[in-house]
Amino acid sequence: MGVLRLELPTDPRWVNIVEKNIEEILTDHAWCEQKAATNAITIITNNSEHEDLVTDLLALAKEELDHFEQVHHMIKKRGLKLGRERKDDYVNELAQYMKRSNTGSRVSALVERLLFSAMIEARSCERFKVLSENIKDEELSKFYRELMESEAGHYTTFITYARKYGTGIDVEKRWREWIAFEAQIIANYGNKETIHG
């Protein structure tokens, strides 16, 4: 899957499911952006000694909140409602994998959290691409194309810092393991009108 190196592409027919419930996909998407901002803040909180990481993740968190606002604006503009926060089973499975894989050191914990974050951004980026190329709604097609480019930048930020601060860890090998694990679990998704569903 090009630069993202995902093993299993999303079936474009997933967009047919999405189109039946635009309110649901937008609500789910809004909360994904909120969680992404929260995740960036958590990484900052736990790794505040890395000035460059803090600087870049502050910018990333602001951008994710801006995306949350953009999705919320789209929801209001269409006369829809922002529903309650949705559970994200896909992200929860990745989080369990991250917890099982953490060997306990601060470096390991940081690398795992960064790779977990990169994985989510990579799949979100891929899903936005599929949406932008297949959704019939022209406004949403353009919207998702713009967000896709931003998500790709976030993926790059996380993977770059994993490589930078992963002292003593074979980050490339670990990333290949993440990609393989993600391919196993994403095979069970793609049948709901949510970003990762």
N, C-alpha and C. Protein backbone atom coordinates (compact mmCIF):
# COMPACT_ATOMS: atom_id res chain seq x y z
N MET A 1 0.86 -1.20 0.00
CA MET A 1 0.00 0.00 0.00
C MET A 1 0.89 1.25 0.00
N GLY A 2 1.84 1.27 -0.89
CA GLY A 2 2.68 2.46 -1.05
C GLY A 2 3.44 2.79 0.22
N VAL A 3 3.49 4.07 0.51
CA VAL A 3 4.30 4.56 1.63
C VAL A 3 3.79 4.01 2.97
N LEU A 4 2.51 3.71 3.08
CA LEU A 4 1.95 3.26 4.35
C LEU A 4 2.27 1.81 4.64
N ARG A 5 2.59 1.02 3.61
CA ARG A 5 2.99 -0.38 3.76
C ARG A 5 1.92 -1.26 4.42
N LEU A 6 0.67 -0.90 4.31
CA LEU A 6 -0.39 -1.75 4.85
C LEU A 6 -0.52 -2.99 3.98
N GLU A 7 -0.78 -4.13 4.61
CA GLU A 7 -0.85 -5.39 3.86
C GLU A 7 -2.23 -5.65 3.25
N LEU A 8 -3.27 -5.19 3.94
CA LEU A 8 -4.62 -5.52 3.48
C LEU A 8 -5.41 -4.25 3.15
N PRO A 9 -5.65 -4.00 1.85
CA PRO A 9 -6.40 -2.79 1.50
C PRO A 9 -7.89 -2.92 1.85
N THR A 10 -8.52 -1.77 2.08
CA THR A 10 -9.96 -1.74 2.36
C THR A 10 -10.73 -1.99 1.06
N ASP A 11 -11.71 -2.86 1.14
CA ASP A 11 -12.59 -3.11 0.00
C ASP A 11 -13.42 -1.85 -0.26
N PRO A 12 -13.37 -1.29 -1.47
CA PRO A 12 -14.12 -0.06 -1.76
C PRO A 12 -15.62 -0.18 -1.49
N ARG A 13 -16.14 -1.42 -1.46
CA ARG A 13 -17.58 -1.60 -1.20
C ARG A 13 -17.96 -1.17 0.22
N TRP A 14 -16.95 -1.02 1.09
CA TRP A 14 -17.20 -0.49 2.43
C TRP A 14 -17.90 0.87 2.33
N VAL A 15 -17.57 1.66 1.30
CA VAL A 15 -18.16 3.00 1.13
C VAL A 15 -19.67 2.90 0.91
N ASN A 16 -20.14 1.81 0.30
CA ASN A 16 -21.59 1.63 0.11
C ASN A 16 -22.31 1.55 1.46
N ILE A 17 -21.64 0.92 2.42
CA ILE A 17 -22.21 0.82 3.78
C ILE A 17 -22.22 2.21 4.42
N VAL A 18 -21.10 2.92 4.28
CA VAL A 18 -20.95 4.27 4.84
C VAL A 18 -22.04 5.20 4.31
N GLU A 19 -22.29 5.13 3.01
CA GLU A 19 -23.24 6.07 2.38
C GLU A 19 -24.66 5.91 2.89
N LYS A 20 -24.97 4.78 3.47
CA LYS A 20 -26.32 4.55 4.01
C LYS A 20 -26.52 5.27 5.35
N ASN A 21 -25.41 5.70 5.99
CA ASN A 21 -25.54 6.35 7.30
C ASN A 21 -24.42 7.37 7.49
N ILE A 22 -24.56 8.50 6.81
CA ILE A 22 -23.54 9.56 6.86
C ILE A 22 -23.41 10.13 8.28
N GLU A 23 -24.52 10.25 8.98
CA GLU A 23 -24.47 10.78 10.35
C GLU A 23 -23.57 9.91 11.23
N GLU A 24 -23.67 8.60 11.07
CA GLU A 24 -22.88 7.69 11.90
C GLU A 24 -21.39 7.80 11.58
N ILE A 25 -21.03 7.83 10.30
CA ILE A 25 -19.61 7.92 9.94
C ILE A 25 -19.01 9.24 10.42
N LEU A 26 -19.80 10.32 10.31
CA LEU A 26 -19.28 11.62 10.73
C LEU A 26 -19.13 11.70 12.26
N THR A 27 -20.09 11.15 12.97
CA THR A 27 -19.98 11.11 14.44
C THR A 27 -18.76 10.29 14.85
N ASP A 28 -18.63 9.11 14.27
CA ASP A 28 -17.49 8.25 14.60
C ASP A 28 -16.18 8.95 14.26
N HIS A 29 -16.15 9.59 13.11
CA HIS A 29 -14.94 10.30 12.67
C HIS A 29 -14.58 11.43 13.64
N ALA A 30 -15.58 12.19 14.05
CA ALA A 30 -15.33 13.29 14.99
C ALA A 30 -14.64 12.77 16.25
N TRP A 31 -15.16 11.68 16.80
CA TRP A 31 -14.57 11.14 18.03
C TRP A 31 -13.19 10.55 17.79
N CYS A 32 -12.95 10.01 16.59
CA CYS A 32 -11.59 9.54 16.25
C CYS A 32 -10.59 10.69 16.34
N GLU A 33 -11.00 11.86 15.85
CA GLU A 33 -10.11 13.03 15.88
C GLU A 33 -9.85 13.47 17.33
N GLN A 34 -10.91 13.44 18.14
CA GLN A 34 -10.76 13.82 19.56
C GLN A 34 -9.80 12.86 20.26
N LYS A 35 -9.95 11.56 20.00
CA LYS A 35 -9.08 10.57 20.64
C LYS A 35 -7.64 10.72 20.17
N ALA A 36 -7.45 11.07 18.90
CA ALA A 36 -6.10 11.27 18.36
C ALA A 36 -5.42 12.44 19.06
N ALA A 37 -6.17 13.50 19.32
CA ALA A 37 -5.62 14.66 20.05
C ALA A 37 -5.25 14.25 21.47
N THR A 38 -6.12 13.51 22.13
CA THR A 38 -5.87 13.04 23.49
C THR A 38 -4.65 12.13 23.54
N ASN A 39 -4.52 11.27 22.56
CA ASN A 39 -3.38 10.36 22.48
C ASN A 39 -2.06 11.14 22.39
N ALA A 40 -2.04 12.17 21.55
CA ALA A 40 -0.83 12.99 21.39
C ALA A 40 -0.47 13.67 22.72
N ILE A 41 -1.48 14.18 23.43
CA ILE A 41 -1.26 14.82 24.73
C ILE A 41 -0.70 13.82 25.74
N THR A 42 -1.21 12.59 25.71
CA THR A 42 -0.73 11.54 26.61
C THR A 42 0.75 11.25 26.36
N ILE A 43 1.13 11.16 25.09
CA ILE A 43 2.54 10.91 24.75
C ILE A 43 3.41 12.06 25.27
N ILE A 44 2.94 13.28 25.11
CA ILE A 44 3.67 14.46 25.61
C ILE A 44 3.83 14.36 27.13
N THR A 45 2.74 14.04 27.82
CA THR A 45 2.74 13.97 29.29
C THR A 45 3.77 12.96 29.79
N ASN A 46 3.87 11.84 29.10
CA ASN A 46 4.76 10.76 29.55
C ASN A 46 6.20 10.91 29.06
N ASN A 47 6.45 11.84 28.15
CA ASN A 47 7.78 11.95 27.55
C ASN A 47 8.21 13.40 27.39
N SER A 48 7.94 14.19 28.41
CA SER A 48 8.14 15.65 28.32
C SER A 48 9.60 16.07 28.22
N GLU A 49 10.52 15.12 28.47
CA GLU A 49 11.95 15.47 28.38
C GLU A 49 12.43 15.64 26.93
N HIS A 50 11.64 15.16 25.98
CA HIS A 50 12.02 15.25 24.56
C HIS A 50 11.39 16.51 23.95
N GLU A 51 12.16 17.58 23.95
CA GLU A 51 11.61 18.89 23.53
C GLU A 51 11.05 18.87 22.11
N ASP A 52 11.77 18.23 21.18
CA ASP A 52 11.30 18.20 19.79
C ASP A 52 10.00 17.40 19.64
N LEU A 53 9.91 16.31 20.38
CA LEU A 53 8.69 15.49 20.37
C LEU A 53 7.51 16.29 20.91
N VAL A 54 7.74 16.99 22.02
CA VAL A 54 6.68 17.81 22.62
C VAL A 54 6.21 18.87 21.63
N THR A 55 7.16 19.56 21.00
CA THR A 55 6.82 20.62 20.05
C THR A 55 5.97 20.09 18.90
N ASP A 56 6.42 18.99 18.31
CA ASP A 56 5.71 18.45 17.15
C ASP A 56 4.37 17.83 17.51
N LEU A 57 4.31 17.19 18.67
CA LEU A 57 3.03 16.57 19.06
C LEU A 57 2.02 17.60 19.57
N LEU A 58 2.50 18.72 20.08
CA LEU A 58 1.56 19.81 20.39
C LEU A 58 0.90 20.31 19.11
N ALA A 59 1.70 20.48 18.06
CA ALA A 59 1.15 20.92 16.77
C ALA A 59 0.18 19.88 16.23
N LEU A 60 0.55 18.61 16.37
CA LEU A 60 -0.31 17.53 15.89
C LEU A 60 -1.63 17.50 16.65
N ALA A 61 -1.56 17.64 17.99
CA ALA A 61 -2.78 17.63 18.81
C ALA A 61 -3.72 18.77 18.41
N LYS A 62 -3.13 19.94 18.15
CA LYS A 62 -3.95 21.09 17.72
C LYS A 62 -4.62 20.80 16.38
N GLU A 63 -3.87 20.17 15.49
CA GLU A 63 -4.42 19.84 14.17
C GLU A 63 -5.56 18.82 14.29
N GLU A 64 -5.39 17.83 15.18
CA GLU A 64 -6.46 16.84 15.38
C GLU A 64 -7.71 17.50 15.95
N LEU A 65 -7.53 18.44 16.88
CA LEU A 65 -8.69 19.17 17.42
C LEU A 65 -9.34 20.03 16.35
N ASP A 66 -8.52 20.60 15.47
CA ASP A 66 -9.04 21.37 14.34
C ASP A 66 -9.87 20.46 13.43
N HIS A 67 -9.40 19.24 13.22
CA HIS A 67 -10.16 18.28 12.41
C HIS A 67 -11.49 17.93 13.09
N PHE A 68 -11.43 17.75 14.42
CA PHE A 68 -12.65 17.49 15.19
C PHE A 68 -13.65 18.62 14.93
N GLU A 69 -13.16 19.84 15.00
CA GLU A 69 -14.02 21.01 14.77
C GLU A 69 -14.57 21.01 13.33
N GLN A 70 -13.73 20.67 12.37
CA GLN A 70 -14.19 20.63 10.96
C GLN A 70 -15.28 19.58 10.76
N VAL A 71 -15.10 18.41 11.36
CA VAL A 71 -16.12 17.36 11.23
C VAL A 71 -17.40 17.80 11.93
N HIS A 72 -17.25 18.41 13.10
CA HIS A 72 -18.43 18.89 13.83
C HIS A 72 -19.17 19.95 13.01
N HIS A 73 -18.43 20.82 12.36
CA HIS A 73 -19.03 21.83 11.49
C HIS A 73 -19.80 21.17 10.34
N MET A 74 -19.21 20.13 9.76
CA MET A 74 -19.86 19.40 8.67
C MET A 74 -21.16 18.75 9.16
N ILE A 75 -21.14 18.22 10.37
CA ILE A 75 -22.33 17.61 10.97
C ILE A 75 -23.43 18.66 11.14
N LYS A 76 -23.07 19.81 11.71
CA LYS A 76 -24.06 20.89 11.94
C LYS A 76 -24.61 21.42 10.62
N LYS A 77 -23.71 21.63 9.66
CA LYS A 77 -24.08 22.18 8.35
C LYS A 77 -25.12 21.30 7.65
N ARG A 78 -25.03 20.01 7.88
CA ARG A 78 -25.94 19.06 7.23
C ARG A 78 -27.20 18.80 8.05
N GLY A 79 -27.32 19.51 9.18
CA GLY A 79 -28.51 19.32 10.01
C GLY A 79 -28.51 18.00 10.76
N LEU A 80 -27.32 17.43 10.92
CA LEU A 80 -27.18 16.17 11.64
C LEU A 80 -26.76 16.44 13.09
N LYS A 81 -26.65 15.40 13.88
CA LYS A 81 -26.29 15.54 15.29
C LYS A 81 -25.01 14.77 15.58
N LEU A 82 -24.14 15.37 16.42
CA LEU A 82 -22.97 14.66 16.92
C LEU A 82 -23.45 13.72 18.02
N GLY A 83 -23.40 12.42 17.72
CA GLY A 83 -23.84 11.44 18.71
C GLY A 83 -22.81 11.26 19.81
N ARG A 84 -23.09 10.35 20.71
CA ARG A 84 -22.18 10.06 21.81
C ARG A 84 -20.91 9.41 21.27
N GLU A 85 -19.87 9.45 22.09
CA GLU A 85 -18.61 8.83 21.69
C GLU A 85 -18.82 7.35 21.39
N ARG A 86 -18.16 6.87 20.34
CA ARG A 86 -18.29 5.48 19.92
C ARG A 86 -17.09 4.66 20.41
N LYS A 87 -17.35 3.41 20.72
CA LYS A 87 -16.26 2.49 21.06
C LYS A 87 -15.59 2.11 19.74
N ASP A 88 -14.27 2.02 19.72
CA ASP A 88 -13.53 1.66 18.52
C ASP A 88 -12.83 0.33 18.77
N ASP A 89 -13.49 -0.76 18.36
CA ASP A 89 -12.96 -2.10 18.62
C ASP A 89 -11.59 -2.32 17.97
N TYR A 90 -11.43 -1.78 16.78
CA TYR A 90 -10.16 -1.90 16.06
C TYR A 90 -9.02 -1.29 16.87
N VAL A 91 -9.20 -0.06 17.33
CA VAL A 91 -8.17 0.62 18.12
C VAL A 91 -7.94 -0.11 19.44
N ASN A 92 -9.01 -0.64 20.04
CA ASN A 92 -8.88 -1.38 21.29
C ASN A 92 -8.04 -2.65 21.11
N GLU A 93 -8.20 -3.32 19.96
CA GLU A 93 -7.37 -4.51 19.68
C GLU A 93 -5.91 -4.12 19.52
N LEU A 94 -5.66 -3.00 18.84
CA LEU A 94 -4.27 -2.52 18.69
C LEU A 94 -3.70 -2.15 20.06
N ALA A 95 -4.52 -1.54 20.92
CA ALA A 95 -4.06 -1.14 22.26
C ALA A 95 -3.68 -2.36 23.09
N GLN A 96 -4.46 -3.43 22.97
CA GLN A 96 -4.13 -4.67 23.70
C GLN A 96 -2.80 -5.25 23.23
N TYR A 97 -2.57 -5.19 21.93
CA TYR A 97 -1.31 -5.67 21.35
C TYR A 97 -0.14 -4.83 21.87
N MET A 98 -0.34 -3.52 21.94
CA MET A 98 0.69 -2.61 22.45
C MET A 98 1.02 -2.98 23.91
N LYS A 99 0.01 -3.21 24.72
CA LYS A 99 0.23 -3.53 26.13
C LYS A 99 0.98 -4.85 26.30
N ARG A 100 0.60 -5.85 25.50
CA ARG A 100 1.26 -7.16 25.59
C ARG A 100 2.72 -7.08 25.16
N SER A 101 3.02 -6.15 24.24
CA SER A 101 4.35 -6.08 23.64
C SER A 101 5.34 -5.22 24.41
N ASN A 102 4.85 -4.44 25.34
CA ASN A 102 5.72 -3.50 26.05
C ASN A 102 6.60 -4.26 27.06
N THR A 103 7.91 -4.16 26.87
CA THR A 103 8.84 -4.91 27.74
C THR A 103 9.13 -4.19 29.06
N GLY A 104 8.56 -3.03 29.24
CA GLY A 104 8.68 -2.39 30.55
C GLY A 104 9.58 -1.17 30.62
N SER A 105 10.54 -1.02 29.72
CA SER A 105 11.40 0.16 29.80
C SER A 105 10.66 1.38 29.24
N ARG A 106 11.12 2.55 29.64
CA ARG A 106 10.49 3.79 29.14
C ARG A 106 10.67 3.91 27.64
N VAL A 107 11.84 3.51 27.16
CA VAL A 107 12.11 3.58 25.71
C VAL A 107 11.16 2.67 24.95
N SER A 108 11.02 1.46 25.45
CA SER A 108 10.12 0.49 24.82
C SER A 108 8.67 1.01 24.84
N ALA A 109 8.27 1.56 25.98
CA ALA A 109 6.90 2.08 26.11
C ALA A 109 6.66 3.21 25.10
N LEU A 110 7.64 4.08 24.94
CA LEU A 110 7.50 5.19 23.99
C LEU A 110 7.42 4.67 22.56
N VAL A 111 8.32 3.76 22.21
CA VAL A 111 8.32 3.22 20.84
C VAL A 111 7.00 2.51 20.54
N GLU A 112 6.53 1.71 21.48
CA GLU A 112 5.26 1.00 21.26
C GLU A 112 4.10 1.98 21.07
N ARG A 113 4.08 3.03 21.89
CA ARG A 113 2.99 4.01 21.78
C ARG A 113 3.07 4.76 20.45
N LEU A 114 4.28 5.05 20.00
CA LEU A 114 4.45 5.76 18.72
C LEU A 114 4.06 4.86 17.55
N LEU A 115 4.41 3.57 17.61
CA LEU A 115 4.05 2.65 16.53
C LEU A 115 2.55 2.38 16.52
N PHE A 116 1.96 2.26 17.69
CA PHE A 116 0.49 2.15 17.82
C PHE A 116 -0.18 3.35 17.15
N SER A 117 0.34 4.54 17.43
CA SER A 117 -0.22 5.78 16.87
C SER A 117 -0.02 5.83 15.36
N ALA A 118 1.17 5.44 14.91
CA ALA A 118 1.46 5.42 13.47
C ALA A 118 0.53 4.46 12.74
N MET A 119 0.26 3.31 13.37
CA MET A 119 -0.61 2.30 12.75
C MET A 119 -2.02 2.84 12.56
N ILE A 120 -2.55 3.50 13.58
CA ILE A 120 -3.90 4.07 13.48
C ILE A 120 -3.95 5.14 12.40
N GLU A 121 -2.94 6.00 12.37
CA GLU A 121 -2.90 7.07 11.37
C GLU A 121 -2.80 6.48 9.96
N ALA A 122 -2.00 5.43 9.81
CA ALA A 122 -1.84 4.80 8.50
C ALA A 122 -3.16 4.24 8.00
N ARG A 123 -3.87 3.52 8.87
CA ARG A 123 -5.16 2.94 8.44
C ARG A 123 -6.20 4.03 8.24
N SER A 124 -6.23 5.05 9.08
CA SER A 124 -7.18 6.15 8.90
C SER A 124 -6.93 6.85 7.57
N CYS A 125 -5.67 7.08 7.27
CA CYS A 125 -5.28 7.71 6.01
C CYS A 125 -5.79 6.87 4.83
N GLU A 126 -5.59 5.57 4.92
CA GLU A 126 -6.02 4.67 3.84
C GLU A 126 -7.55 4.68 3.71
N ARG A 127 -8.25 4.70 4.84
CA ARG A 127 -9.72 4.74 4.80
C ARG A 127 -10.21 6.07 4.20
N PHE A 128 -9.54 7.17 4.55
CA PHE A 128 -9.92 8.47 3.99
C PHE A 128 -9.72 8.48 2.48
N LYS A 129 -8.65 7.83 2.03
CA LYS A 129 -8.38 7.73 0.59
C LYS A 129 -9.50 6.96 -0.12
N VAL A 130 -9.88 5.83 0.47
CA VAL A 130 -10.96 5.02 -0.10
C VAL A 130 -12.26 5.83 -0.14
N LEU A 131 -12.54 6.57 0.93
CA LEU A 131 -13.73 7.42 0.96
C LEU A 131 -13.66 8.49 -0.12
N SER A 132 -12.52 9.18 -0.19
CA SER A 132 -12.40 10.30 -1.15
C SER A 132 -12.56 9.82 -2.59
N GLU A 133 -12.14 8.59 -2.87
CA GLU A 133 -12.17 8.09 -4.25
C GLU A 133 -13.48 7.40 -4.62
N ASN A 134 -14.29 7.04 -3.62
CA ASN A 134 -15.48 6.22 -3.91
C ASN A 134 -16.81 6.81 -3.47
N ILE A 135 -16.78 7.79 -2.57
CA ILE A 135 -18.06 8.33 -2.08
C ILE A 135 -18.66 9.24 -3.15
N LYS A 136 -19.98 9.14 -3.33
CA LYS A 136 -20.64 9.91 -4.40
C LYS A 136 -20.81 11.38 -4.02
N ASP A 137 -20.84 11.66 -2.73
CA ASP A 137 -21.02 13.02 -2.22
C ASP A 137 -19.74 13.82 -2.48
N GLU A 138 -19.82 14.80 -3.39
CA GLU A 138 -18.62 15.53 -3.82
C GLU A 138 -17.98 16.32 -2.68
N GLU A 139 -18.80 16.92 -1.83
CA GLU A 139 -18.27 17.69 -0.71
C GLU A 139 -17.46 16.79 0.23
N LEU A 140 -18.00 15.61 0.53
CA LEU A 140 -17.30 14.69 1.42
C LEU A 140 -16.06 14.10 0.74
N SER A 141 -16.14 13.88 -0.55
CA SER A 141 -14.98 13.38 -1.30
C SER A 141 -13.80 14.34 -1.18
N LYS A 142 -14.06 15.62 -1.36
CA LYS A 142 -13.01 16.65 -1.25
C LYS A 142 -12.51 16.75 0.20
N PHE A 143 -13.44 16.71 1.13
CA PHE A 143 -13.13 16.80 2.56
C PHE A 143 -12.17 15.68 2.97
N TYR A 144 -12.47 14.45 2.54
CA TYR A 144 -11.64 13.32 2.93
C TYR A 144 -10.30 13.30 2.19
N ARG A 145 -10.25 13.85 1.00
CA ARG A 145 -8.97 13.94 0.30
C ARG A 145 -8.02 14.87 1.07
N GLU A 146 -8.54 16.01 1.54
CA GLU A 146 -7.71 16.97 2.29
C GLU A 146 -7.24 16.36 3.62
N LEU A 147 -8.14 15.67 4.31
CA LEU A 147 -7.78 15.08 5.60
C LEU A 147 -6.78 13.93 5.42
N MET A 148 -6.91 13.21 4.31
CA MET A 148 -6.00 12.10 4.03
C MET A 148 -4.54 12.58 4.00
N GLU A 149 -4.32 13.72 3.38
CA GLU A 149 -2.95 14.26 3.28
C GLU A 149 -2.40 14.61 4.65
N SER A 150 -3.26 15.14 5.50
CA SER A 150 -2.86 15.50 6.86
C SER A 150 -2.52 14.25 7.68
N GLU A 151 -3.37 13.21 7.57
CA GLU A 151 -3.13 11.96 8.32
C GLU A 151 -1.81 11.32 7.91
N ALA A 152 -1.49 11.41 6.62
CA ALA A 152 -0.21 10.85 6.15
C ALA A 152 0.96 11.55 6.84
N GLY A 153 0.82 12.85 7.06
CA GLY A 153 1.85 13.61 7.77
C GLY A 153 1.97 13.17 9.22
N HIS A 154 0.85 12.86 9.85
CA HIS A 154 0.86 12.41 11.24
C HIS A 154 1.53 11.04 11.35
N TYR A 155 1.21 10.16 10.43
CA TYR A 155 1.85 8.84 10.39
C TYR A 155 3.37 9.00 10.34
N THR A 156 3.84 9.89 9.46
CA THR A 156 5.27 10.13 9.30
C THR A 156 5.89 10.66 10.59
N THR A 157 5.20 11.57 11.27
CA THR A 157 5.69 12.12 12.54
C THR A 157 5.92 11.01 13.57
N PHE A 158 4.93 10.15 13.74
CA PHE A 158 5.04 9.09 14.74
C PHE A 158 6.15 8.10 14.41
N ILE A 159 6.22 7.68 13.16
CA ILE A 159 7.22 6.68 12.77
C ILE A 159 8.63 7.27 12.87
N THR A 160 8.78 8.55 12.54
CA THR A 160 10.07 9.22 12.61
C THR A 160 10.58 9.28 14.05
N TYR A 161 9.69 9.60 14.99
CA TYR A 161 10.10 9.67 16.39
C TYR A 161 10.36 8.28 16.98
N ALA A 162 9.64 7.27 16.52
CA ALA A 162 9.93 5.90 16.97
C ALA A 162 11.35 5.52 16.57
N ARG A 163 11.73 5.88 15.34
CA ARG A 163 13.09 5.58 14.88
C ARG A 163 14.12 6.40 15.64
N LYS A 164 13.80 7.65 15.91
CA LYS A 164 14.75 8.54 16.58
C LYS A 164 15.03 8.11 18.02
N TYR A 165 13.96 7.78 18.76
CA TYR A 165 14.12 7.50 20.19
C TYR A 165 14.14 6.01 20.54
N GLY A 166 14.08 5.16 19.53
CA GLY A 166 14.08 3.71 19.78
C GLY A 166 15.48 3.14 19.96
N THR A 167 16.26 3.75 20.81
CA THR A 167 17.63 3.30 21.07
C THR A 167 17.64 1.86 21.57
N GLY A 168 18.42 1.02 20.89
CA GLY A 168 18.53 -0.38 21.29
C GLY A 168 17.37 -1.24 20.86
N ILE A 169 16.43 -0.68 20.08
CA ILE A 169 15.27 -1.45 19.60
C ILE A 169 15.34 -1.50 18.07
N ASP A 170 15.08 -2.68 17.50
CA ASP A 170 15.03 -2.80 16.04
C ASP A 170 13.64 -2.31 15.60
N VAL A 171 13.53 -1.01 15.41
CA VAL A 171 12.23 -0.38 15.14
C VAL A 171 11.65 -0.88 13.82
N GLU A 172 12.48 -1.09 12.81
CA GLU A 172 11.97 -1.57 11.51
C GLU A 172 11.35 -2.95 11.64
N LYS A 173 12.03 -3.83 12.38
CA LYS A 173 11.51 -5.19 12.61
C LYS A 173 10.20 -5.11 13.38
N ARG A 174 10.19 -4.26 14.40
CA ARG A 174 8.98 -4.11 15.22
C ARG A 174 7.82 -3.55 14.39
N TRP A 175 8.11 -2.62 13.51
CA TRP A 175 7.06 -2.05 12.66
C TRP A 175 6.50 -3.11 11.72
N ARG A 176 7.35 -3.98 11.20
CA ARG A 176 6.86 -5.07 10.34
C ARG A 176 5.93 -5.99 11.12
N GLU A 177 6.24 -6.20 12.41
CA GLU A 177 5.36 -7.03 13.27
C GLU A 177 4.02 -6.34 13.48
N TRP A 178 4.05 -5.04 13.68
CA TRP A 178 2.80 -4.26 13.81
C TRP A 178 1.96 -4.38 12.54
N ILE A 179 2.61 -4.25 11.39
CA ILE A 179 1.88 -4.32 10.11
C ILE A 179 1.24 -5.70 9.94
N ALA A 180 1.98 -6.74 10.29
CA ALA A 180 1.45 -8.10 10.17
C ALA A 180 0.27 -8.32 11.11
N PHE A 181 0.39 -7.83 12.35
CA PHE A 181 -0.71 -7.97 13.32
C PHE A 181 -1.94 -7.21 12.83
N GLU A 182 -1.73 -5.99 12.35
CA GLU A 182 -2.84 -5.16 11.89
C GLU A 182 -3.57 -5.83 10.73
N ALA A 183 -2.83 -6.48 9.84
CA ALA A 183 -3.45 -7.16 8.70
C ALA A 183 -4.38 -8.28 9.17
N GLN A 184 -3.99 -8.94 10.26
CA GLN A 184 -4.84 -10.02 10.80
C GLN A 184 -6.15 -9.47 11.34
N ILE A 185 -6.08 -8.36 12.08
CA ILE A 185 -7.31 -7.88 12.72
C ILE A 185 -8.20 -7.08 11.77
N ILE A 186 -7.61 -6.34 10.84
CA ILE A 186 -8.44 -5.51 9.94
C ILE A 186 -9.29 -6.38 9.03
N ALA A 187 -8.89 -7.63 8.85
CA ALA A 187 -9.67 -8.58 8.03
C ALA A 187 -11.07 -8.77 8.61
N ASN A 188 -11.24 -8.51 9.91
CA ASN A 188 -12.54 -8.67 10.56
C ASN A 188 -13.41 -7.40 10.50
N TYR A 189 -12.85 -6.35 9.89
CA TYR A 189 -13.57 -5.07 9.85
C TYR A 189 -13.93 -4.72 8.40
N GLY A 190 -14.55 -3.55 8.23
CA GLY A 190 -14.95 -3.12 6.89
C GLY A 190 -16.41 -3.40 6.60
N ASN A 191 -17.18 -3.65 7.66
CA ASN A 191 -18.61 -3.95 7.45
C ASN A 191 -19.52 -3.04 8.27
N LYS A 192 -18.95 -1.94 8.82
CA LYS A 192 -19.77 -0.98 9.57
C LYS A 192 -19.47 0.43 9.10
N GLU A 193 -20.41 1.34 9.34
CA GLU A 193 -20.26 2.74 8.88
C GLU A 193 -19.49 3.55 9.92
N THR A 194 -18.29 3.05 10.24
CA THR A 194 -17.37 3.78 11.11
C THR A 194 -16.01 3.82 10.42
N ILE A 195 -15.14 4.71 10.86
CA ILE A 195 -13.85 4.89 10.18
C ILE A 195 -13.04 3.60 10.16
N HIS A 196 -13.02 2.87 11.26
CA HIS A 196 -12.24 1.63 11.29
C HIS A 196 -13.15 0.39 11.28
N GLY A 197 -14.46 0.60 11.24
CA GLY A 197 -15.40 -0.54 11.37
C GLY A 197 -15.51 -1.39 10.14
